[in-house]
N, C-alpha and C. Protein backbone atom coordinates (compact mmCIF):
# COMPACT_ATOMS: atom_id res chain seq x y z
N MET A 1 -19.40 0.31 -18.97
CA MET A 1 -17.98 0.38 -19.28
C MET A 1 -17.51 1.83 -19.19
N SER A 2 -16.39 2.06 -18.50
CA SER A 2 -15.89 3.41 -18.31
C SER A 2 -15.23 3.92 -19.59
N THR A 3 -15.26 5.23 -19.75
CA THR A 3 -14.62 5.85 -20.91
C THR A 3 -13.11 5.92 -20.66
N PRO A 4 -12.31 6.14 -21.73
CA PRO A 4 -10.86 6.27 -21.52
C PRO A 4 -10.50 7.36 -20.52
N ALA A 5 -11.23 8.48 -20.54
CA ALA A 5 -10.95 9.57 -19.61
C ALA A 5 -11.23 9.15 -18.17
N GLU A 6 -12.33 8.43 -17.96
CA GLU A 6 -12.66 7.96 -16.62
C GLU A 6 -11.64 6.95 -16.14
N TYR A 7 -11.21 6.07 -17.02
CA TYR A 7 -10.20 5.08 -16.66
C TYR A 7 -8.90 5.78 -16.28
N TYR A 8 -8.52 6.79 -17.05
CA TYR A 8 -7.28 7.51 -16.75
C TYR A 8 -7.36 8.20 -15.39
N ARG A 9 -8.49 8.84 -15.11
CA ARG A 9 -8.64 9.53 -13.82
C ARG A 9 -8.62 8.56 -12.65
N SER A 10 -9.00 7.30 -12.89
CA SER A 10 -9.05 6.33 -11.80
C SER A 10 -7.67 5.76 -11.46
N LEU A 11 -6.70 6.01 -12.32
CA LEU A 11 -5.37 5.44 -12.10
C LEU A 11 -4.62 6.17 -11.00
N PRO A 12 -3.78 5.46 -10.25
CA PRO A 12 -2.91 6.10 -9.27
C PRO A 12 -1.89 6.99 -9.98
N PRO A 13 -1.29 7.95 -9.27
CA PRO A 13 -0.35 8.88 -9.89
C PRO A 13 0.81 8.21 -10.61
N VAL A 14 1.37 7.16 -10.01
CA VAL A 14 2.53 6.50 -10.61
C VAL A 14 2.17 5.88 -11.95
N SER A 15 1.01 5.24 -12.00
CA SER A 15 0.56 4.62 -13.25
C SER A 15 0.30 5.67 -14.32
N LYS A 16 -0.23 6.81 -13.92
CA LYS A 16 -0.48 7.89 -14.88
C LYS A 16 0.84 8.37 -15.49
N VAL A 17 1.82 8.64 -14.64
CA VAL A 17 3.08 9.18 -15.12
C VAL A 17 3.79 8.18 -16.02
N TYR A 18 3.92 6.94 -15.55
CA TYR A 18 4.63 5.94 -16.33
C TYR A 18 3.86 5.59 -17.61
N GLY A 19 2.56 5.46 -17.51
CA GLY A 19 1.75 5.12 -18.67
C GLY A 19 1.82 6.18 -19.75
N VAL A 20 1.70 7.46 -19.36
CA VAL A 20 1.76 8.55 -20.33
C VAL A 20 3.16 8.63 -20.96
N ALA A 21 4.19 8.44 -20.14
CA ALA A 21 5.56 8.48 -20.65
C ALA A 21 5.78 7.39 -21.70
N CYS A 22 5.30 6.19 -21.41
CA CYS A 22 5.43 5.08 -22.36
C CYS A 22 4.63 5.33 -23.63
N LEU A 23 3.41 5.85 -23.46
CA LEU A 23 2.55 6.12 -24.60
C LEU A 23 3.16 7.16 -25.53
N LEU A 24 3.65 8.25 -24.95
CA LEU A 24 4.24 9.32 -25.76
C LEU A 24 5.52 8.85 -26.44
N THR A 25 6.35 8.12 -25.71
CA THR A 25 7.61 7.64 -26.28
C THR A 25 7.38 6.69 -27.43
N THR A 26 6.47 5.74 -27.23
CA THR A 26 6.21 4.74 -28.27
C THR A 26 5.48 5.36 -29.46
N THR A 27 4.53 6.25 -29.20
CA THR A 27 3.80 6.90 -30.30
C THR A 27 4.74 7.76 -31.13
N ALA A 28 5.63 8.50 -30.46
CA ALA A 28 6.58 9.34 -31.17
C ALA A 28 7.49 8.51 -32.07
N TYR A 29 7.81 7.29 -31.62
CA TYR A 29 8.64 6.41 -32.44
C TYR A 29 7.90 6.01 -33.72
N TYR A 30 6.62 5.62 -33.58
CA TYR A 30 5.86 5.20 -34.75
C TYR A 30 5.57 6.36 -35.69
N LEU A 31 5.63 7.59 -35.17
CA LEU A 31 5.49 8.77 -36.02
C LEU A 31 6.83 9.20 -36.59
N GLN A 32 7.87 8.42 -36.27
CA GLN A 32 9.22 8.67 -36.78
C GLN A 32 9.74 10.05 -36.37
N LEU A 33 9.47 10.42 -35.12
CA LEU A 33 9.92 11.71 -34.61
C LEU A 33 11.32 11.63 -34.01
N TYR A 34 11.82 10.43 -33.80
CA TYR A 34 13.17 10.28 -33.25
C TYR A 34 13.69 8.88 -33.60
N SER A 35 14.97 8.71 -33.47
CA SER A 35 15.57 7.40 -33.67
C SER A 35 15.57 6.65 -32.35
N PRO A 36 15.05 5.43 -32.31
CA PRO A 36 15.00 4.69 -31.05
C PRO A 36 16.38 4.45 -30.45
N TRP A 37 17.41 4.45 -31.27
CA TRP A 37 18.74 4.22 -30.74
C TRP A 37 19.18 5.33 -29.78
N ASN A 38 18.55 6.50 -29.88
CA ASN A 38 18.92 7.61 -29.00
C ASN A 38 18.49 7.37 -27.55
N ILE A 39 17.56 6.45 -27.33
CA ILE A 39 17.10 6.19 -25.96
C ILE A 39 17.35 4.73 -25.55
N ALA A 40 17.95 3.94 -26.43
CA ALA A 40 18.16 2.53 -26.15
C ALA A 40 19.25 2.32 -25.10
N LEU A 41 19.21 1.16 -24.47
CA LEU A 41 20.20 0.81 -23.45
C LEU A 41 21.50 0.38 -24.11
N SER A 42 22.57 1.11 -23.81
CA SER A 42 23.90 0.76 -24.31
C SER A 42 24.90 1.09 -23.21
N TYR A 43 25.44 0.07 -22.58
CA TYR A 43 26.39 0.31 -21.49
C TYR A 43 27.68 0.93 -22.01
N GLU A 44 28.03 0.63 -23.25
CA GLU A 44 29.22 1.24 -23.82
C GLU A 44 29.08 2.75 -23.90
N LEU A 45 27.92 3.23 -24.37
CA LEU A 45 27.68 4.67 -24.46
C LEU A 45 27.46 5.30 -23.07
N VAL A 46 26.90 4.53 -22.16
CA VAL A 46 26.69 5.04 -20.79
C VAL A 46 28.02 5.33 -20.12
N PHE A 47 28.97 4.39 -20.21
CA PHE A 47 30.23 4.53 -19.47
C PHE A 47 31.32 5.26 -20.26
N LYS A 48 31.30 5.16 -21.59
CA LYS A 48 32.34 5.82 -22.37
C LYS A 48 31.98 7.24 -22.76
N ARG A 49 30.68 7.49 -22.97
CA ARG A 49 30.25 8.83 -23.38
C ARG A 49 29.32 9.47 -22.36
N PHE A 50 29.15 8.82 -21.22
CA PHE A 50 28.35 9.35 -20.10
C PHE A 50 26.92 9.68 -20.49
N GLN A 51 26.35 8.87 -21.38
CA GLN A 51 24.95 9.05 -21.77
C GLN A 51 24.06 8.27 -20.78
N VAL A 52 24.05 8.78 -19.55
CA VAL A 52 23.40 8.07 -18.45
C VAL A 52 21.88 8.02 -18.59
N TRP A 53 21.31 8.89 -19.42
CA TRP A 53 19.85 8.88 -19.56
C TRP A 53 19.35 7.55 -20.13
N ARG A 54 20.22 6.83 -20.81
CA ARG A 54 19.82 5.56 -21.41
C ARG A 54 19.42 4.53 -20.36
N LEU A 55 19.92 4.68 -19.13
CA LEU A 55 19.57 3.76 -18.05
C LEU A 55 18.10 3.92 -17.65
N VAL A 56 17.50 5.04 -18.03
CA VAL A 56 16.10 5.31 -17.67
C VAL A 56 15.20 5.27 -18.90
N THR A 57 15.62 5.94 -19.98
CA THR A 57 14.74 6.09 -21.14
C THR A 57 14.40 4.77 -21.81
N ASN A 58 15.26 3.77 -21.69
CA ASN A 58 14.97 2.49 -22.36
C ASN A 58 13.73 1.81 -21.79
N PHE A 59 13.32 2.20 -20.59
CA PHE A 59 12.14 1.60 -19.96
C PHE A 59 10.83 2.23 -20.46
N PHE A 60 10.91 3.30 -21.23
CA PHE A 60 9.70 3.99 -21.68
C PHE A 60 9.21 3.51 -23.04
N PHE A 61 10.01 2.72 -23.72
CA PHE A 61 9.60 2.21 -25.04
C PHE A 61 9.08 0.79 -24.88
N LEU A 62 7.81 0.57 -25.24
CA LEU A 62 7.19 -0.73 -25.05
C LEU A 62 6.97 -1.50 -26.33
N GLY A 63 7.02 -0.84 -27.46
CA GLY A 63 6.71 -1.54 -28.70
C GLY A 63 5.21 -1.76 -28.77
N HIS A 64 4.79 -3.00 -28.97
CA HIS A 64 3.38 -3.32 -29.02
C HIS A 64 2.82 -3.44 -27.60
N PHE A 65 1.63 -2.85 -27.38
CA PHE A 65 0.99 -2.96 -26.08
C PHE A 65 0.21 -4.26 -26.02
N HIS A 66 0.61 -5.12 -25.12
CA HIS A 66 -0.04 -6.43 -25.01
C HIS A 66 -1.07 -6.46 -23.89
N PHE A 67 -0.96 -5.56 -22.92
CA PHE A 67 -1.88 -5.59 -21.79
C PHE A 67 -1.86 -4.24 -21.10
N PRO A 68 -2.84 -3.96 -20.25
CA PRO A 68 -2.88 -2.68 -19.55
C PRO A 68 -1.65 -2.46 -18.69
N LEU A 69 -1.36 -1.18 -18.43
CA LEU A 69 -0.19 -0.85 -17.63
C LEU A 69 -0.49 -0.88 -16.14
N HIS A 70 -1.73 -1.03 -15.77
CA HIS A 70 -2.04 -1.00 -14.35
C HIS A 70 -3.15 -1.99 -14.03
N PHE A 71 -2.95 -2.67 -12.91
CA PHE A 71 -3.97 -3.56 -12.38
C PHE A 71 -4.34 -3.07 -11.00
N ARG A 72 -5.64 -2.97 -10.75
CA ARG A 72 -6.09 -2.58 -9.42
C ARG A 72 -5.61 -3.61 -8.41
N GLY A 73 -4.98 -3.15 -7.33
CA GLY A 73 -4.50 -4.14 -6.40
C GLY A 73 -3.69 -3.59 -5.25
N PRO A 74 -2.57 -4.25 -4.94
CA PRO A 74 -1.86 -4.02 -3.69
C PRO A 74 -1.23 -2.64 -3.55
N PHE A 75 -1.04 -1.91 -4.64
CA PHE A 75 -0.35 -0.62 -4.55
C PHE A 75 -1.27 0.57 -4.76
N ASP A 76 -2.59 0.35 -4.72
CA ASP A 76 -3.52 1.44 -4.97
C ASP A 76 -3.31 2.61 -4.02
N LYS A 77 -3.06 2.34 -2.75
CA LYS A 77 -2.90 3.40 -1.75
C LYS A 77 -1.49 3.37 -1.16
N ARG A 78 -0.56 2.79 -1.90
CA ARG A 78 0.82 2.69 -1.44
C ARG A 78 1.74 3.21 -2.54
N THR A 79 1.64 4.51 -2.79
CA THR A 79 2.40 5.12 -3.87
C THR A 79 3.89 4.89 -3.73
N ALA A 80 4.41 5.09 -2.52
CA ALA A 80 5.85 4.93 -2.30
C ALA A 80 6.30 3.50 -2.57
N ASP A 81 5.51 2.53 -2.12
CA ASP A 81 5.86 1.13 -2.34
C ASP A 81 5.84 0.79 -3.83
N TYR A 82 4.89 1.37 -4.54
CA TYR A 82 4.78 1.14 -5.98
C TYR A 82 6.02 1.70 -6.69
N VAL A 83 6.40 2.92 -6.32
CA VAL A 83 7.59 3.55 -6.92
C VAL A 83 8.83 2.70 -6.63
N TRP A 84 8.94 2.25 -5.39
CA TRP A 84 10.12 1.46 -5.01
C TRP A 84 10.13 0.11 -5.73
N MET A 85 8.96 -0.48 -5.96
CA MET A 85 8.91 -1.71 -6.71
C MET A 85 9.43 -1.49 -8.14
N LEU A 86 9.01 -0.39 -8.77
CA LEU A 86 9.47 -0.09 -10.12
C LEU A 86 10.97 0.18 -10.15
N ILE A 87 11.47 0.90 -9.16
CA ILE A 87 12.90 1.18 -9.09
C ILE A 87 13.69 -0.11 -8.90
N SER A 88 13.23 -0.95 -7.97
CA SER A 88 13.90 -2.22 -7.70
C SER A 88 13.87 -3.11 -8.93
N GLY A 89 12.72 -3.17 -9.60
CA GLY A 89 12.61 -3.98 -10.80
C GLY A 89 13.51 -3.48 -11.91
N ALA A 90 13.55 -2.16 -12.09
CA ALA A 90 14.41 -1.58 -13.13
C ALA A 90 15.88 -1.88 -12.86
N LEU A 91 16.28 -1.77 -11.60
CA LEU A 91 17.67 -2.06 -11.25
C LEU A 91 17.99 -3.53 -11.48
N SER A 92 17.07 -4.41 -11.13
CA SER A 92 17.27 -5.84 -11.36
C SER A 92 17.45 -6.13 -12.85
N LEU A 93 16.63 -5.52 -13.66
CA LEU A 93 16.70 -5.73 -15.10
C LEU A 93 18.00 -5.17 -15.69
N LEU A 94 18.44 -4.02 -15.16
CA LEU A 94 19.69 -3.44 -15.64
C LEU A 94 20.88 -4.34 -15.29
N VAL A 95 20.83 -4.96 -14.11
CA VAL A 95 21.89 -5.88 -13.71
C VAL A 95 21.89 -7.11 -14.62
N MET A 96 20.69 -7.65 -14.90
CA MET A 96 20.60 -8.80 -15.78
C MET A 96 21.08 -8.47 -17.19
N ALA A 97 20.85 -7.23 -17.62
CA ALA A 97 21.23 -6.82 -18.97
C ALA A 97 22.74 -6.73 -19.16
N VAL A 98 23.49 -6.76 -18.05
CA VAL A 98 24.95 -6.76 -18.16
C VAL A 98 25.42 -8.04 -18.86
N VAL A 99 24.68 -9.13 -18.66
CA VAL A 99 24.99 -10.38 -19.35
C VAL A 99 24.60 -10.22 -20.82
N PRO A 100 25.54 -10.38 -21.73
CA PRO A 100 25.25 -10.13 -23.16
C PRO A 100 24.01 -10.85 -23.68
N TYR A 101 23.83 -12.11 -23.28
CA TYR A 101 22.69 -12.87 -23.80
C TYR A 101 21.36 -12.30 -23.30
N LEU A 102 21.37 -11.66 -22.13
CA LEU A 102 20.14 -11.14 -21.54
C LEU A 102 19.91 -9.67 -21.89
N TRP A 103 20.88 -9.05 -22.54
CA TRP A 103 20.77 -7.63 -22.87
C TRP A 103 19.68 -7.39 -23.91
N SER A 104 19.00 -6.28 -23.75
CA SER A 104 17.99 -5.85 -24.72
C SER A 104 18.06 -4.33 -24.82
N ARG A 105 17.81 -3.82 -26.01
CA ARG A 105 17.86 -2.36 -26.18
C ARG A 105 16.82 -1.66 -25.32
N PHE A 106 15.66 -2.31 -25.16
CA PHE A 106 14.56 -1.69 -24.42
C PHE A 106 14.02 -2.69 -23.40
N MET A 107 13.95 -2.26 -22.14
CA MET A 107 13.53 -3.15 -21.06
C MET A 107 12.14 -2.81 -20.53
N GLY A 108 11.43 -1.91 -21.23
CA GLY A 108 10.11 -1.48 -20.76
C GLY A 108 9.12 -2.63 -20.70
N ALA A 109 9.11 -3.48 -21.73
CA ALA A 109 8.18 -4.61 -21.75
C ALA A 109 8.44 -5.54 -20.58
N SER A 110 9.70 -5.73 -20.23
CA SER A 110 10.05 -6.59 -19.09
C SER A 110 9.57 -5.97 -17.78
N LEU A 111 9.69 -4.65 -17.65
CA LEU A 111 9.24 -3.98 -16.43
C LEU A 111 7.73 -4.10 -16.26
N VAL A 112 7.00 -3.94 -17.36
CA VAL A 112 5.55 -4.09 -17.30
C VAL A 112 5.17 -5.54 -16.97
N PHE A 113 5.90 -6.48 -17.54
CA PHE A 113 5.62 -7.89 -17.25
C PHE A 113 5.90 -8.20 -15.79
N MET A 114 6.87 -7.52 -15.21
CA MET A 114 7.13 -7.68 -13.78
C MET A 114 5.92 -7.27 -12.96
N ILE A 115 5.28 -6.15 -13.35
CA ILE A 115 4.08 -5.69 -12.66
C ILE A 115 2.98 -6.75 -12.74
N VAL A 116 2.83 -7.34 -13.92
CA VAL A 116 1.83 -8.38 -14.11
C VAL A 116 2.12 -9.58 -13.21
N TYR A 117 3.39 -9.97 -13.13
CA TYR A 117 3.77 -11.12 -12.31
C TYR A 117 3.47 -10.87 -10.84
N VAL A 118 3.87 -9.69 -10.34
CA VAL A 118 3.64 -9.36 -8.93
C VAL A 118 2.15 -9.33 -8.62
N TRP A 119 1.36 -8.76 -9.55
CA TRP A 119 -0.09 -8.72 -9.34
C TRP A 119 -0.64 -10.14 -9.25
N GLY A 120 -0.18 -11.02 -10.12
CA GLY A 120 -0.65 -12.39 -10.10
C GLY A 120 -0.31 -13.11 -8.81
N ARG A 121 0.84 -12.79 -8.22
CA ARG A 121 1.22 -13.42 -6.96
C ARG A 121 0.43 -12.83 -5.79
N GLU A 122 0.10 -11.54 -5.87
CA GLU A 122 -0.66 -10.90 -4.80
C GLU A 122 -2.12 -11.33 -4.81
N PHE A 123 -2.65 -11.63 -6.01
CA PHE A 123 -4.05 -12.03 -6.13
C PHE A 123 -4.16 -13.35 -6.90
N PRO A 124 -3.63 -14.43 -6.32
CA PRO A 124 -3.59 -15.71 -7.04
C PRO A 124 -4.97 -16.31 -7.31
N ASN A 125 -5.97 -15.94 -6.49
CA ASN A 125 -7.30 -16.54 -6.64
C ASN A 125 -8.31 -15.62 -7.33
N ALA A 126 -7.84 -14.46 -7.81
CA ALA A 126 -8.74 -13.55 -8.52
C ALA A 126 -9.24 -14.21 -9.80
N GLN A 127 -10.52 -14.10 -10.06
CA GLN A 127 -11.11 -14.71 -11.25
C GLN A 127 -11.00 -13.76 -12.43
N LEU A 128 -10.33 -14.19 -13.48
CA LEU A 128 -10.13 -13.39 -14.68
C LEU A 128 -10.60 -14.16 -15.90
N ASN A 129 -10.78 -13.45 -16.99
CA ASN A 129 -11.09 -14.14 -18.26
C ASN A 129 -10.32 -13.48 -19.38
N PHE A 130 -9.96 -14.27 -20.35
CA PHE A 130 -9.16 -13.81 -21.48
C PHE A 130 -10.08 -13.56 -22.66
N TYR A 131 -10.43 -12.27 -22.87
CA TYR A 131 -11.31 -11.87 -23.97
C TYR A 131 -12.61 -12.66 -23.97
N GLY A 132 -13.07 -13.03 -22.77
CA GLY A 132 -14.33 -13.74 -22.66
C GLY A 132 -14.29 -15.18 -23.13
N LEU A 133 -13.10 -15.68 -23.45
CA LEU A 133 -12.98 -17.04 -23.99
C LEU A 133 -12.58 -18.06 -22.93
N VAL A 134 -11.63 -17.70 -22.10
CA VAL A 134 -11.09 -18.63 -21.12
C VAL A 134 -11.07 -17.96 -19.76
N SER A 135 -11.55 -18.65 -18.74
CA SER A 135 -11.51 -18.16 -17.37
C SER A 135 -10.34 -18.82 -16.64
N PHE A 136 -9.68 -18.03 -15.81
CA PHE A 136 -8.53 -18.56 -15.07
C PHE A 136 -8.30 -17.71 -13.83
N LYS A 137 -7.45 -18.20 -12.94
CA LYS A 137 -7.12 -17.48 -11.72
C LYS A 137 -5.96 -16.53 -11.95
N GLY A 138 -5.88 -15.50 -11.10
CA GLY A 138 -4.86 -14.47 -11.27
C GLY A 138 -3.44 -15.00 -11.28
N PHE A 139 -3.19 -16.09 -10.56
CA PHE A 139 -1.85 -16.65 -10.49
C PHE A 139 -1.31 -17.01 -11.88
N TYR A 140 -2.22 -17.40 -12.79
CA TYR A 140 -1.80 -17.85 -14.11
C TYR A 140 -1.71 -16.73 -15.14
N LEU A 141 -2.00 -15.49 -14.72
CA LEU A 141 -2.03 -14.38 -15.68
C LEU A 141 -0.72 -14.22 -16.45
N PRO A 142 0.44 -14.15 -15.79
CA PRO A 142 1.68 -14.01 -16.58
C PRO A 142 1.94 -15.19 -17.50
N TRP A 143 1.52 -16.38 -17.08
CA TRP A 143 1.72 -17.56 -17.91
C TRP A 143 0.80 -17.54 -19.14
N ILE A 144 -0.39 -16.96 -18.97
CA ILE A 144 -1.30 -16.82 -20.11
C ILE A 144 -0.69 -15.89 -21.15
N TYR A 145 -0.17 -14.75 -20.70
CA TYR A 145 0.44 -13.81 -21.64
C TYR A 145 1.70 -14.40 -22.28
N LEU A 146 2.44 -15.16 -21.50
CA LEU A 146 3.63 -15.82 -22.05
C LEU A 146 3.23 -16.80 -23.15
N THR A 147 2.16 -17.54 -22.92
CA THR A 147 1.67 -18.49 -23.91
C THR A 147 1.19 -17.79 -25.18
N VAL A 148 0.48 -16.66 -24.99
CA VAL A 148 -0.01 -15.90 -26.14
C VAL A 148 1.17 -15.40 -26.99
N ASP A 149 2.20 -14.87 -26.32
CA ASP A 149 3.37 -14.41 -27.07
C ASP A 149 4.05 -15.56 -27.81
N LEU A 150 4.06 -16.74 -27.18
CA LEU A 150 4.65 -17.91 -27.82
C LEU A 150 3.86 -18.28 -29.08
N LEU A 151 2.55 -18.26 -28.98
CA LEU A 151 1.70 -18.63 -30.12
C LEU A 151 1.79 -17.60 -31.24
N LEU A 152 1.97 -16.33 -30.86
CA LEU A 152 2.06 -15.26 -31.87
C LEU A 152 3.46 -15.12 -32.44
N GLY A 153 4.40 -15.86 -31.89
CA GLY A 153 5.77 -15.78 -32.39
C GLY A 153 6.54 -14.57 -31.90
N ASN A 154 6.05 -13.93 -30.81
CA ASN A 154 6.75 -12.78 -30.24
C ASN A 154 7.93 -13.25 -29.39
N PRO A 155 8.94 -12.41 -29.23
CA PRO A 155 10.09 -12.78 -28.40
C PRO A 155 9.64 -13.06 -26.96
N LEU A 156 10.17 -14.11 -26.37
CA LEU A 156 9.79 -14.49 -25.01
C LEU A 156 10.77 -13.95 -23.97
N LYS A 157 11.94 -13.53 -24.41
CA LYS A 157 12.94 -13.08 -23.45
C LYS A 157 12.47 -11.92 -22.58
N PRO A 158 11.81 -10.88 -23.14
CA PRO A 158 11.33 -9.79 -22.28
C PRO A 158 10.36 -10.27 -21.20
N ASP A 159 9.47 -11.20 -21.58
CA ASP A 159 8.51 -11.73 -20.62
C ASP A 159 9.21 -12.49 -19.50
N ILE A 160 10.15 -13.34 -19.89
CA ILE A 160 10.85 -14.17 -18.90
C ILE A 160 11.70 -13.32 -17.96
N LEU A 161 12.38 -12.31 -18.50
CA LEU A 161 13.17 -11.41 -17.65
C LEU A 161 12.27 -10.67 -16.66
N GLY A 162 11.09 -10.26 -17.13
CA GLY A 162 10.14 -9.59 -16.23
C GLY A 162 9.66 -10.50 -15.13
N MET A 163 9.43 -11.77 -15.47
CA MET A 163 9.00 -12.73 -14.45
C MET A 163 10.10 -12.99 -13.43
N VAL A 164 11.34 -13.05 -13.89
CA VAL A 164 12.47 -13.24 -12.97
C VAL A 164 12.58 -12.05 -12.02
N ALA A 165 12.51 -10.84 -12.57
CA ALA A 165 12.58 -9.63 -11.73
C ALA A 165 11.40 -9.58 -10.77
N GLY A 166 10.21 -9.94 -11.24
CA GLY A 166 9.04 -9.94 -10.38
C GLY A 166 9.14 -10.96 -9.27
N HIS A 167 9.63 -12.15 -9.60
CA HIS A 167 9.76 -13.19 -8.57
C HIS A 167 10.82 -12.79 -7.54
N LEU A 168 11.90 -12.19 -7.99
CA LEU A 168 12.94 -11.73 -7.06
C LEU A 168 12.37 -10.71 -6.09
N TYR A 169 11.60 -9.75 -6.62
CA TYR A 169 11.00 -8.73 -5.75
C TYR A 169 10.01 -9.37 -4.78
N TYR A 170 9.15 -10.24 -5.28
CA TYR A 170 8.13 -10.86 -4.43
C TYR A 170 8.77 -11.75 -3.38
N PHE A 171 9.81 -12.45 -3.74
CA PHE A 171 10.50 -13.33 -2.79
C PHE A 171 11.12 -12.51 -1.66
N LEU A 172 11.81 -11.43 -2.02
CA LEU A 172 12.52 -10.64 -1.02
C LEU A 172 11.60 -9.81 -0.14
N THR A 173 10.43 -9.42 -0.66
CA THR A 173 9.54 -8.55 0.10
C THR A 173 8.39 -9.29 0.78
N VAL A 174 8.07 -10.49 0.31
CA VAL A 174 6.93 -11.22 0.86
C VAL A 174 7.31 -12.61 1.37
N LEU A 175 7.81 -13.45 0.49
CA LEU A 175 8.08 -14.84 0.86
C LEU A 175 9.18 -14.98 1.91
N HIS A 176 10.28 -14.28 1.71
CA HIS A 176 11.39 -14.36 2.66
C HIS A 176 11.00 -13.84 4.05
N PRO A 177 10.35 -12.68 4.14
CA PRO A 177 9.90 -12.22 5.47
C PRO A 177 8.90 -13.17 6.12
N LEU A 178 8.00 -13.77 5.33
CA LEU A 178 7.04 -14.72 5.89
C LEU A 178 7.74 -15.95 6.47
N ALA A 179 8.90 -16.29 5.92
CA ALA A 179 9.66 -17.43 6.42
C ALA A 179 10.55 -17.06 7.60
N GLY A 180 10.42 -15.82 8.06
CA GLY A 180 11.19 -15.39 9.23
C GLY A 180 12.40 -14.54 8.88
N GLY A 181 12.62 -14.29 7.61
CA GLY A 181 13.76 -13.48 7.19
C GLY A 181 13.45 -12.00 7.24
N LYS A 182 14.47 -11.21 6.96
CA LYS A 182 14.33 -9.75 6.96
C LYS A 182 13.95 -9.24 5.58
N ASN A 183 13.09 -8.25 5.57
CA ASN A 183 12.71 -7.62 4.31
C ASN A 183 13.82 -6.66 3.89
N ILE A 184 14.74 -7.15 3.06
CA ILE A 184 15.89 -6.33 2.68
C ILE A 184 15.55 -5.35 1.56
N LEU A 185 14.33 -5.45 1.02
CA LEU A 185 13.90 -4.50 -0.01
C LEU A 185 12.80 -3.58 0.50
N LYS A 186 12.79 -3.37 1.79
CA LYS A 186 11.78 -2.48 2.38
C LYS A 186 11.92 -1.09 1.79
N THR A 187 10.78 -0.47 1.51
CA THR A 187 10.80 0.87 0.90
C THR A 187 11.56 1.85 1.77
N PRO A 188 12.60 2.51 1.22
CA PRO A 188 13.40 3.47 2.00
C PRO A 188 12.56 4.67 2.45
N LEU A 189 13.02 5.30 3.52
CA LEU A 189 12.29 6.45 4.06
C LEU A 189 12.22 7.60 3.07
N TRP A 190 13.29 7.78 2.28
CA TRP A 190 13.28 8.91 1.35
C TRP A 190 12.24 8.72 0.26
N VAL A 191 11.99 7.46 -0.14
CA VAL A 191 10.94 7.20 -1.12
C VAL A 191 9.57 7.39 -0.47
N SER A 192 9.42 6.92 0.77
CA SER A 192 8.15 7.08 1.48
C SER A 192 7.81 8.55 1.68
N PHE A 193 8.83 9.35 2.00
CA PHE A 193 8.60 10.78 2.21
C PHE A 193 8.15 11.45 0.92
N GLN A 194 8.78 11.09 -0.19
CA GLN A 194 8.39 11.67 -1.48
C GLN A 194 6.97 11.26 -1.85
N GLY A 195 6.62 10.00 -1.54
CA GLY A 195 5.26 9.52 -1.85
C GLY A 195 4.22 10.27 -1.04
N LYS A 196 4.50 10.51 0.25
CA LYS A 196 3.56 11.24 1.09
C LYS A 196 3.44 12.68 0.62
N SER A 197 4.55 13.28 0.23
CA SER A 197 4.53 14.67 -0.25
C SER A 197 3.70 14.79 -1.50
N TYR A 198 3.79 13.78 -2.38
CA TYR A 198 3.02 13.80 -3.63
C TYR A 198 1.54 13.71 -3.34
N ARG A 199 1.17 12.83 -2.39
CA ARG A 199 -0.26 12.67 -2.08
C ARG A 199 -0.81 13.94 -1.44
N LEU A 200 0.01 14.59 -0.60
CA LEU A 200 -0.45 15.82 0.05
C LEU A 200 -0.67 16.93 -0.99
N GLY A 201 0.11 16.87 -2.05
CA GLY A 201 -0.02 17.89 -3.09
C GLY A 201 -1.14 17.60 -4.07
N GLY A 202 -1.80 16.46 -3.90
CA GLY A 202 -2.89 16.11 -4.80
C GLY A 202 -2.41 15.23 -5.91
N ARG A 203 -3.38 14.64 -6.65
CA ARG A 203 -3.04 13.73 -7.75
C ARG A 203 -2.91 14.52 -9.05
């Protein structure tokens, strides 16, 4: 079994940055170093007081960690695609949050759940086990976590929103092109250029 340091070094750059940001933000909250409302999503404050940072910072607070932030898979050597997936997912969640019933102060858990959903679709036949108790295929991973949250009495809305965002991304980038359609969510050149520049500069 690898040590935490070895696991951290094995992560791609995007996972390192996002994971550390989430860890520091959530830990600082539990240490009562700031009020969570200062980083929460509020469209009223965004548009009336121009507190635009809330559109980004709300994704860094996860609350309880239910699962790892990174799964080895389709984006290991595709930094730009990974970044674009996160950007697309975040934008999808922000659009959904415009609907009052779907709004949440923090969308980080939904974004992470989106990653889990996409991984499950990319590796549907991967053999996994849940704490050594139950074996299942990768396709069912998001449904397993959804069931666990249901049994524990945790809110299901963040999970479901993440699955919707994940399915939208997977449909537009994989299923629709396979059916002969155009990949309208193809990673832009400016994101690809930044990803290549980052890799050239080292991890």
